[in-house]
Amino acid sequence: MNNKYYAGIDIGAAFSKAVILLNRDIIGWSVIPSGNSYRLAAEKVFTEALNKTGLKNSDIRMIIATGCGANNVSLANETTGEFVCNGRAVHFLAPEVSTVIDIGGQFSRVFHVDRKGKMVGFILSEKCAAGSGRLLQVLARVLQVKLEELGELSLKSTRQVNFTTSCAVFIESEIISRIAEGYSKEDIIAGVHRSLAAKVQTLVERLGFLPEVAFIGGSASNIGLAKALEEALSHPLVIPDIPQITTALGAALIAGDKDTSIEII
């Protein structure tokens, strides 16, 4: 097989991701905060991923962009939807998966894919921080810990604490109240993970539980949240090695699909 390079760029509300493929193998990737300009984020994240490969822009046969800022990616050949990209990537990584969970920065979504990786049904949470990855950012800020430390800290919990509110504004106050009551950071983090997992469980039940289940996106890197989800669903989760770049990987794979189909024609 001749060496052919493809790229996928996923511009999300919080983070931007890029993946460079050699045929179907990942050879470079990058994740950066999206900041205030999707256009600049796209240029930076693509350049960072490209620099890891030693390639030039002209070496990339096709670039596909996705995410809420996809239309701002001027260097892309085409744009496509996140569900399409996620389905393609999940099918590539774990073709046995039927249900996919993605806890994003603005909302959570659950969708079904068929045996070809095509999305065949989905459900979204309300656009509220209490049901999205934004809740974890609020939690990290209030407890003054790094976002990436939440997972490991939650595994050290020794005392169960429950959160009853369904509003992010009030859950922040509830976190502060729990601190005053003497609960540890570890207990509070584990409690918030269970609260978020319960909301996602409700989405899964509403859409319909179909095994196997994949957990993708940046929140899937949180080992404590993944554990809470597995307990809520009473089922193990399939988690990609680098879950945050799943959507960008799907975009890059689709770029390769499209390029191959063009050549065949």
C-alpha atoms as a PDB file:
ATOM      1  CA  MET A   1       0.000   0.000   0.000  1.00  0.00           C
ATOM      2  CA  ASN A   2       1.336   3.414  -0.939  1.00  0.00           C
ATOM      3  CA  ASN A   3       1.824   5.882   1.907  1.00  0.00           C
ATOM      4  CA  LYS A   4      -1.130   8.251   1.990  1.00  0.00           C
ATOM      5  CA  TYR A   5      -1.689  10.872   4.657  1.00  0.00           C
ATOM      6  CA  TYR A   6      -5.049  12.133   5.915  1.00  0.00           C
ATOM      7  CA  ALA A   7      -6.117  14.510   8.660  1.00  0.00           C
ATOM      8  CA  GLY A   8      -9.148  15.083  10.838  1.00  0.00           C
ATOM      9  CA  ILE A   9      -9.739  18.253  12.836  1.00  0.00           C
ATOM     10  CA  ASP A  10     -12.364  18.440  15.570  1.00  0.00           C
ATOM     11  CA  ILE A  11     -13.094  21.948  16.853  1.00  0.00           C
ATOM     12  CA  GLY A  12     -15.046  21.652  20.090  1.00  0.00           C
ATOM     13  CA  ALA A  13     -16.391  24.326  22.407  1.00  0.00           C
ATOM     14  CA  ALA A  14     -13.668  23.644  24.993  1.00  0.00           C
ATOM     15  CA  PHE A  15     -10.908  21.782  23.152  1.00  0.00           C
ATOM     16  CA  SER A  16      -9.701  21.349  19.595  1.00  0.00           C
ATOM     17  CA  LYS A  17      -8.183  18.095  18.377  1.00  0.00           C
ATOM     18  CA  ALA A  18      -6.299  16.988  15.267  1.00  0.00           C
ATOM     19  CA  VAL A  19      -5.226  13.551  14.044  1.00  0.00           C
ATOM     20  CA  ILE A  20      -2.830  12.695  11.214  1.00  0.00           C
ATOM     21  CA  LEU A  21      -3.098   9.248   9.635  1.00  0.00           C
ATOM     22  CA  LEU A  22      -0.678   7.287   7.507  1.00  0.00           C
ATOM     23  CA  ASN A  23      -3.183   5.155   5.614  1.00  0.00           C
ATOM     24  CA  ARG A  24      -5.146   3.952   8.692  1.00  0.00           C
ATOM     25  CA  ASP A  25      -2.452   4.361  11.361  1.00  0.00           C
ATOM     26  CA  ILE A  26      -2.240   7.349  13.719  1.00  0.00           C
ATOM     27  CA  ILE A  27       1.175   8.980  13.369  1.00  0.00           C
ATOM     28  CA  GLY A  28       0.451  12.359  14.959  1.00  0.00           C
ATOM     29  CA  TRP A  29      -2.187  14.039  17.095  1.00  0.00           C
ATOM     30  CA  SER A  30      -2.693  17.122  19.230  1.00  0.00           C
ATOM     31  CA  VAL A  31      -5.209  18.553  21.713  1.00  0.00           C
ATOM     32  CA  ILE A  32      -5.355  22.225  22.700  1.00  0.00           C
ATOM     33  CA  PRO A  33      -7.908  24.575  24.323  1.00  0.00           C
ATOM     34  CA  SER A  34     -10.161  26.129  21.676  1.00  0.00           C
ATOM     35  CA  GLY A  35      -9.803  29.588  23.201  1.00  0.00           C
ATOM     36  CA  ASN A  36     -11.615  32.560  21.707  1.00  0.00           C
ATOM     37  CA  SER A  37     -11.007  31.822  18.022  1.00  0.00           C
ATOM     38  CA  TYR A  38     -11.961  28.568  16.357  1.00  0.00           C
ATOM     39  CA  ARG A  39      -9.999  29.573  13.255  1.00  0.00           C
ATOM     40  CA  LEU A  40      -6.772  30.107  15.175  1.00  0.00           C
ATOM     41  CA  ALA A  41      -7.345  26.970  17.230  1.00  0.00           C
ATOM     42  CA  ALA A  42      -7.752  24.925  14.033  1.00  0.00           C
ATOM     43  CA  GLU A  43      -4.527  26.268  12.572  1.00  0.00           C
ATOM     44  CA  LYS A  44      -2.586  25.704  15.779  1.00  0.00           C
ATOM     45  CA  VAL A  45      -3.828  22.210  16.577  1.00  0.00           C
ATOM     46  CA  PHE A  46      -3.274  21.030  12.999  1.00  0.00           C
ATOM     47  CA  THR A  47       0.227  22.522  12.914  1.00  0.00           C
ATOM     48  CA  GLU A  48       1.123  20.879  16.229  1.00  0.00           C
ATOM     49  CA  ALA A  49      -0.069  17.481  15.015  1.00  0.00           C
ATOM     50  CA  LEU A  50       1.692  17.928  11.678  1.00  0.00           C
ATOM     51  CA  ASN A  51       4.978  18.904  13.368  1.00  0.00           C
ATOM     52  CA  LYS A  52       5.007  15.580  15.221  1.00  0.00           C
ATOM     53  CA  THR A  53       5.113  13.758  11.889  1.00  0.00           C
ATOM     54  CA  GLY A  54       7.692  15.782   9.999  1.00  0.00           C
ATOM     55  CA  LEU A  55       5.192  16.276   7.184  1.00  0.00           C
ATOM     56  CA  LYS A  56       4.169  19.420   5.311  1.00  0.00           C
ATOM     57  CA  ASN A  57       0.629  20.633   4.636  1.00  0.00           C
ATOM     58  CA  SER A  58       1.010  19.595   1.013  1.00  0.00           C
ATOM     59  CA  ASP A  59       1.656  15.977   2.045  1.00  0.00           C
ATOM     60  CA  ILE A  60      -1.903  15.612   3.367  1.00  0.00           C
ATOM     61  CA  ARG A  61      -4.206  14.262   0.673  1.00  0.00           C
ATOM     62  CA  MET A  62      -7.458  15.269   2.362  1.00  0.00           C
ATOM     63  CA  ILE A  63      -8.524  17.100   5.535  1.00  0.00           C
ATOM     64  CA  ILE A  64     -11.990  16.852   7.052  1.00  0.00           C
ATOM     65  CA  ALA A  65     -13.204  19.110   9.856  1.00  0.00           C
ATOM     66  CA  THR A  66     -15.965  18.517  12.367  1.00  0.00           C
ATOM     67  CA  GLY A  67     -17.262  19.904  15.655  1.00  0.00           C
ATOM     68  CA  CYS A  68     -19.117  23.087  16.497  1.00  0.00           C
ATOM     69  CA  GLY A  69     -16.350  25.199  14.942  1.00  0.00           C
ATOM     70  CA  ALA A  70     -15.888  23.148  11.771  1.00  0.00           C
ATOM     71  CA  ASN A  71     -16.994  25.957   9.475  1.00  0.00           C
ATOM     72  CA  ASN A  72     -14.074  28.050  10.728  1.00  0.00           C
ATOM     73  CA  VAL A  73     -11.473  25.543   9.512  1.00  0.00           C
ATOM     74  CA  SER A  74     -10.376  27.148   6.249  1.00  0.00           C
ATOM     75  CA  LEU A  75      -7.725  24.502   5.524  1.00  0.00           C
ATOM     76  CA  ALA A  76     -10.274  21.655   5.440  1.00  0.00           C
ATOM     77  CA  ASN A  77     -11.435  20.129   2.179  1.00  0.00           C
ATOM     78  CA  GLU A  78     -14.822  19.247   3.663  1.00  0.00           C
ATOM     79  CA  THR A  79     -16.806  19.309   6.901  1.00  0.00           C
ATOM     80  CA  THR A  80     -19.018  16.608   8.369  1.00  0.00           C
ATOM     81  CA  GLY A  81     -21.068  15.932  11.493  1.00  0.00           C
ATOM     82  CA  GLU A  82     -19.706  14.726  14.823  1.00  0.00           C
ATOM     83  CA  PHE A  83     -22.059  11.737  14.989  1.00  0.00           C
ATOM     84  CA  VAL A  84     -20.792  10.527  11.619  1.00  0.00           C
ATOM     85  CA  CYS A  85     -17.177  10.879  12.752  1.00  0.00           C
ATOM     86  CA  ASN A  86     -17.772   9.207  16.095  1.00  0.00           C
ATOM     87  CA  GLY A  87     -19.586   6.303  14.503  1.00  0.00           C
ATOM     88  CA  ARG A  88     -16.780   5.794  11.988  1.00  0.00           C
ATOM     89  CA  ALA A  89     -14.085   5.899  14.670  1.00  0.00           C
ATOM     90  CA  VAL A  90     -15.887   3.639  17.133  1.00  0.00           C
ATOM     91  CA  HIS A  91     -16.578   1.070  14.419  1.00  0.00           C
ATOM     92  CA  PHE A  92     -12.891   1.185  13.437  1.00  0.00           C
ATOM     93  CA  LEU A  93     -11.664   0.802  17.022  1.00  0.00           C
ATOM     94  CA  ALA A  94     -14.311  -1.561  18.408  1.00  0.00           C
ATOM     95  CA  PRO A  95     -16.778  -2.900  15.824  1.00  0.00           C
ATOM     96  CA  GLU A  96     -18.696  -4.819  18.503  1.00  0.00           C
ATOM     97  CA  VAL A  97     -19.971  -1.571  20.075  1.00  0.00           C
ATOM     98  CA  SER A  98     -23.656  -0.639  19.668  1.00  0.00           C
ATOM     99  CA  THR A  99     -24.066   2.179  22.253  1.00  0.00           C
ATOM    100  CA  VAL A 100     -21.770   5.187  22.488  1.00  0.00           C
ATOM    101  CA  ILE A 101     -21.571   7.697  25.366  1.00  0.00           C
ATOM    102  CA  ASP A 102     -19.933  11.098  24.917  1.00  0.00           C
ATOM    103  CA  ILE A 103     -19.946  13.542  27.854  1.00  0.00           C
ATOM    104  CA  GLY A 104     -19.066  16.826  26.175  1.00  0.00           C
ATOM    105  CA  GLY A 105     -18.348  20.291  27.485  1.00  0.00           C
ATOM    106  CA  GLN A 106     -21.859  21.589  26.743  1.00  0.00           C
ATOM    107  CA  PHE A 107     -24.063  18.501  26.926  1.00  0.00           C
ATOM    108  CA  SER A 108     -23.941  14.716  27.050  1.00  0.00           C
ATOM    109  CA  ARG A 109     -25.096  12.510  24.213  1.00  0.00           C
ATOM    110  CA  VAL A 110     -25.790   8.833  23.788  1.00  0.00           C
ATOM    111  CA  PHE A 111     -26.249   7.198  20.401  1.00  0.00           C
ATOM    112  CA  HIS A 112     -26.573   3.815  18.754  1.00  0.00           C
ATOM    113  CA  VAL A 113     -24.496   2.602  15.823  1.00  0.00           C
ATOM    114  CA  ASP A 114     -25.206  -0.284  13.485  1.00  0.00           C
ATOM    115  CA  ARG A 115     -22.773  -2.974  12.323  1.00  0.00           C
ATOM    116  CA  LYS A 116     -21.326  -0.542   9.770  1.00  0.00           C
ATOM    117  CA  GLY A 117     -20.734   2.251  12.288  1.00  0.00           C
ATOM    118  CA  LYS A 118     -23.670   4.355  11.103  1.00  0.00           C
ATOM    119  CA  MET A 119     -25.567   6.303  13.760  1.00  0.00           C
ATOM    120  CA  VAL A 120     -29.134   4.972  13.960  1.00  0.00           C
ATOM    121  CA  GLY A 121     -30.527   6.803  16.996  1.00  0.00           C
ATOM    122  CA  PHE A 122     -29.439   9.373  19.534  1.00  0.00           C
ATOM    123  CA  ILE A 123     -30.458  11.390  22.566  1.00  0.00           C
ATOM    124  CA  LEU A 124     -28.975  14.577  24.027  1.00  0.00           C
ATOM    125  CA  SER A 125     -29.031  15.927  27.550  1.00  0.00           C
ATOM    126  CA  GLU A 126     -30.357  19.375  28.215  1.00  0.00           C
ATOM    127  CA  LYS A 127     -27.764  22.070  27.608  1.00  0.00           C
ATOM    128  CA  CYS A 128     -26.934  22.342  31.306  1.00  0.00           C
ATOM    129  CA  ALA A 129     -23.562  22.051  33.050  1.00  0.00           C
ATOM    130  CA  ALA A 130     -24.972  19.576  35.580  1.00  0.00           C
ATOM    131  CA  GLY A 131     -25.386  17.006  32.796  1.00  0.00           C
ATOM    132  CA  SER A 132     -22.150  17.666  30.954  1.00  0.00           C
ATOM    133  CA  GLY A 133     -18.397  17.730  31.333  1.00  0.00           C
ATOM    134  CA  ARG A 134     -18.713  21.354  32.371  1.00  0.00           C
ATOM    135  CA  LEU A 135     -19.730  20.055  35.795  1.00  0.00           C
ATOM    136  CA  LEU A 136     -16.270  18.552  36.219  1.00  0.00           C
ATOM    137  CA  GLN A 137     -14.670  21.915  35.458  1.00  0.00           C
ATOM    138  CA  VAL A 138     -16.858  23.538  38.115  1.00  0.00           C
ATOM    139  CA  LEU A 139     -15.903  20.786  40.557  1.00  0.00           C
ATOM    140  CA  ALA A 140     -12.171  21.188  39.908  1.00  0.00           C
ATOM    141  CA  ARG A 141     -12.388  24.951  40.312  1.00  0.00           C
ATOM    142  CA  VAL A 142     -14.316  24.851  43.594  1.00  0.00           C
ATOM    143  CA  LEU A 143     -12.027  22.191  45.093  1.00  0.00           C
ATOM    144  CA  GLN A 144      -8.901  23.852  43.653  1.00  0.00           C
ATOM    145  CA  VAL A 145      -7.566  20.703  42.020  1.00  0.00           C
ATOM    146  CA  LYS A 146      -6.494  20.027  38.438  1.00  0.00           C
ATOM    147  CA  LEU A 147      -9.145  18.635  36.128  1.00  0.00           C
ATOM    148  CA  GLU A 148      -6.952  15.684  35.196  1.00  0.00           C
ATOM    149  CA  GLU A 149      -6.543  14.767  38.895  1.00  0.00           C
ATOM    150  CA  LEU A 150     -10.253  14.211  39.557  1.00  0.00           C
ATOM    151  CA  GLY A 151     -10.332  10.586  38.475  1.00  0.00           C
ATOM    152  CA  GLU A 152      -7.504   9.318  40.652  1.00  0.00           C
ATOM    153  CA  LEU A 153      -8.667  11.361  43.637  1.00  0.00           C
ATOM    154  CA  SER A 154     -12.185   9.956  43.462  1.00  0.00           C
ATOM    155  CA  LEU A 155     -10.853   6.405  43.708  1.00  0.00           C
ATOM    156  CA  LYS A 156      -9.541   7.246  47.192  1.00  0.00           C
ATOM    157  CA  SER A 157     -13.029   8.024  48.513  1.00  0.00           C
ATOM    158  CA  THR A 158     -13.944   6.220  51.742  1.00  0.00           C
ATOM    159  CA  ARG A 159     -17.293   7.846  52.548  1.00  0.00           C
ATOM    160  CA  GLN A 160     -20.317   8.124  50.286  1.00  0.00           C
ATOM    161  CA  VAL A 161     -21.779  11.565  49.706  1.00  0.00           C
ATOM    162  CA  ASN A 162     -24.836  12.136  47.523  1.00  0.00           C
ATOM    163  CA  PHE A 163     -25.821  15.205  45.544  1.00  0.00           C
ATOM    164  CA  THR A 164     -29.509  15.800  45.004  1.00  0.00           C
ATOM    165  CA  THR A 165     -29.736  18.916  42.840  1.00  0.00           C
ATOM    166  CA  SER A 166     -30.034  18.793  39.055  1.00  0.00           C
ATOM    167  CA  CYS A 167     -28.768  22.345  38.498  1.00  0.00           C
ATOM    168  CA  ALA A 168     -25.090  23.251  38.144  1.00  0.00           C
ATOM    169  CA  VAL A 169     -25.573  26.552  39.964  1.00  0.00           C
ATOM    170  CA  PHE A 170     -27.006  24.810  43.003  1.00  0.00           C
ATOM    171  CA  ILE A 171     -24.632  21.872  42.875  1.00  0.00           C
ATOM    172  CA  GLU A 172     -21.750  24.324  43.296  1.00  0.00           C
ATOM    173  CA  SER A 173     -23.378  25.522  46.496  1.00  0.00           C
ATOM    174  CA  GLU A 174     -23.968  21.915  47.499  1.00  0.00           C
ATOM    175  CA  ILE A 175     -20.278  21.136  47.022  1.00  0.00           C
ATOM    176  CA  ILE A 176     -19.369  24.024  49.303  1.00  0.00           C
ATOM    177  CA  SER A 177     -21.876  22.777  51.873  1.00  0.00           C
ATOM    178  CA  ARG A 178     -20.368  19.294  51.791  1.00  0.00           C
ATOM    179  CA  ILE A 179     -16.919  20.770  52.421  1.00  0.00           C
ATOM    180  CA  ALA A 180     -18.318  22.578  55.472  1.00  0.00           C
ATOM    181  CA  GLU A 181     -19.850  19.300  56.655  1.00  0.00           C
ATOM    182  CA  GLY A 182     -16.409  17.723  56.736  1.00  0.00           C
ATOM    183  CA  TYR A 183     -16.464  15.555  53.646  1.00  0.00           C
ATOM    184  CA  SER A 184     -13.071  15.098  51.972  1.00  0.00           C
ATOM    185  CA  LYS A 185     -12.294  16.250  48.451  1.00  0.00           C
ATOM    186  CA  GLU A 186     -12.065  12.611  47.421  1.00  0.00           C
ATOM    187  CA  ASP A 187     -15.566  11.851  48.757  1.00  0.00           C
ATOM    188  CA  ILE A 188     -17.048  14.931  47.103  1.00  0.00           C
ATOM    189  CA  ILE A 189     -15.480  14.159  43.725  1.00  0.00           C
ATOM    190  CA  ALA A 190     -16.741  10.575  43.840  1.00  0.00           C
ATOM    191  CA  GLY A 191     -20.215  11.856  44.724  1.00  0.00           C
ATOM    192  CA  VAL A 192     -20.283  14.263  41.791  1.00  0.00           C
ATOM    193  CA  HIS A 193     -19.095  11.479  39.487  1.00  0.00           C
ATOM    194  CA  ARG A 194     -22.031   9.334  40.627  1.00  0.00           C
ATOM    195  CA  SER A 195     -24.418  12.237  40.084  1.00  0.00           C
ATOM    196  CA  LEU A 196     -23.215  12.773  36.513  1.00  0.00           C
ATOM    197  CA  ALA A 197     -23.188   9.033  35.840  1.00  0.00           C
ATOM    198  CA  ALA A 198     -26.810   8.793  36.996  1.00  0.00           C
ATOM    199  CA  LYS A 199     -27.844  11.476  34.504  1.00  0.00           C
ATOM    200  CA  VAL A 200     -26.086   9.638  31.685  1.00  0.00           C
ATOM    201  CA  GLN A 201     -27.653   6.356  32.807  1.00  0.00           C
ATOM    202  CA  THR A 202     -31.077   7.976  32.388  1.00  0.00           C
ATOM    203  CA  LEU A 203     -30.180   8.953  28.822  1.00  0.00           C
ATOM    204  CA  VAL A 204     -29.025   5.412  28.044  1.00  0.00           C
ATOM    205  CA  GLU A 205     -32.247   3.958  29.420  1.00  0.00           C
ATOM    206  CA  ARG A 206     -34.379   6.409  27.449  1.00  0.00           C
ATOM    207  CA  LEU A 207     -32.607   5.582  24.203  1.00  0.00           C
ATOM    208  CA  GLY A 208     -32.354   1.865  24.976  1.00  0.00           C
ATOM    209  CA  PHE A 209     -29.449  -0.119  26.365  1.00  0.00           C
ATOM    210  CA  LEU A 210     -27.621  -2.072  23.666  1.00  0.00           C
ATOM    211  CA  PRO A 211     -24.309  -3.752  24.513  1.00  0.00           C
ATOM    212  CA  GLU A 212     -21.455  -3.301  23.941  1.00  0.00           C
ATOM    213  CA  VAL A 213     -21.013   0.246  25.270  1.00  0.00           C
ATOM    214  CA  ALA A 214     -18.202   2.674  24.423  1.00  0.00           C
ATOM    215  CA  PHE A 215     -17.266   5.803  26.378  1.00  0.00           C
ATOM    216  CA  ILE A 216     -15.485   8.419  24.247  1.00  0.00           C
ATOM    217  CA  GLY A 217     -14.409  12.060  24.486  1.00  0.00           C
ATOM    218  CA  GLY A 218     -12.221  13.882  26.968  1.00  0.00           C
ATOM    219  CA  SER A 219     -14.322  12.916  29.981  1.00  0.00           C
ATOM    220  CA  ALA A 220     -13.590   9.248  29.273  1.00  0.00           C
ATOM    221  CA  SER A 221     -10.009   9.882  30.436  1.00  0.00           C
ATOM    222  CA  ASN A 222     -11.428  10.353  33.942  1.00  0.00           C
ATOM    223  CA  ILE A 223     -11.011   6.902  35.486  1.00  0.00           C
ATOM    224  CA  GLY A 224     -13.301   7.749  38.399  1.00  0.00           C
ATOM    225  CA  LEU A 225     -16.150   8.867  36.158  1.00  0.00           C
ATOM    226  CA  ALA A 226     -15.708   5.776  33.997  1.00  0.00           C
ATOM    227  CA  LYS A 227     -15.932   3.614  37.115  1.00  0.00           C
ATOM    228  CA  ALA A 228     -19.102   5.427  38.248  1.00  0.00           C
ATOM    229  CA  LEU A 229     -20.652   4.905  34.796  1.00  0.00           C
ATOM    230  CA  GLU A 230     -19.823   1.211  34.796  1.00  0.00           C
ATOM    231  CA  GLU A 231     -21.447   0.854  38.203  1.00  0.00           C
ATOM    232  CA  ALA A 232     -24.523   2.830  37.140  1.00  0.00           C
ATOM    233  CA  LEU A 233     -24.955   0.743  33.975  1.00  0.00           C
ATOM    234  CA  SER A 234     -23.850  -2.541  35.578  1.00  0.00           C
ATOM    235  CA  HIS A 235     -21.816  -3.108  32.449  1.00  0.00           C
ATOM    236  CA  PRO A 236     -18.155  -2.651  31.445  1.00  0.00           C
ATOM    237  CA  LEU A 237     -17.202   0.156  29.089  1.00  0.00           C
ATOM    238  CA  VAL A 238     -15.026   0.100  25.993  1.00  0.00           C
ATOM    239  CA  ILE A 239     -12.727   3.146  26.216  1.00  0.00           C
ATOM    240  CA  PRO A 240     -10.275   4.095  23.427  1.00  0.00           C
ATOM    241  CA  ASP A 241      -6.615   4.507  24.367  1.00  0.00           C
ATOM    242  CA  ILE A 242      -6.847   8.255  23.683  1.00  0.00           C
ATOM    243  CA  PRO A 243     -10.586   8.917  24.019  1.00  0.00           C
ATOM    244  CA  GLN A 244     -10.370  12.688  23.510  1.00  0.00           C
ATOM    245  CA  ILE A 245      -9.275  12.369  19.869  1.00  0.00           C
ATOM    246  CA  THR A 246     -11.992   9.895  18.834  1.00  0.00           C
ATOM    247  CA  THR A 247     -14.000  12.414  16.804  1.00  0.00           C
ATOM    248  CA  ALA A 248     -10.912  13.763  15.026  1.00  0.00           C
ATOM    249  CA  LEU A 249      -9.842  10.197  14.273  1.00  0.00           C
ATOM    250  CA  GLY A 250     -13.225   9.527  12.702  1.00  0.00           C
ATOM    251  CA  ALA A 251     -12.872  12.631  10.536  1.00  0.00           C
ATOM    252  CA  ALA A 252      -9.440  11.484   9.359  1.00  0.00           C
ATOM    253  CA  LEU A 253     -10.743   7.990   8.595  1.00  0.00           C
ATOM    254  CA  ILE A 254     -13.591   9.487   6.571  1.00  0.00           C
ATOM    255  CA  ALA A 255     -11.042  11.576   4.662  1.00  0.00           C
ATOM    256  CA  GLY A 256      -9.287   8.348   3.746  1.00  0.00           C
ATOM    257  CA  ASP A 257     -12.575   6.716   2.765  1.00  0.00           C
ATOM    258  CA  LYS A 258     -13.487   9.604   0.504  1.00  0.00           C
ATOM    259  CA  ASP A 259     -10.056   9.737  -1.135  1.00  0.00           C
ATOM    260  CA  THR A 260     -10.151   5.998  -1.849  1.00  0.00           C
ATOM    261  CA  SER A 261     -13.656   6.202  -3.336  1.00  0.00           C
ATOM    262  CA  ILE A 262     -12.586   9.073  -5.581  1.00  0.00           C
ATOM    263  CA  GLU A 263      -9.638   7.015  -6.846  1.00  0.00           C
ATOM    264  CA  ILE A 264     -11.852   4.004  -7.561  1.00  0.00           C
ATOM    265  CA  ILE A 265     -14.260   6.140  -9.572  1.00  0.00           C
END
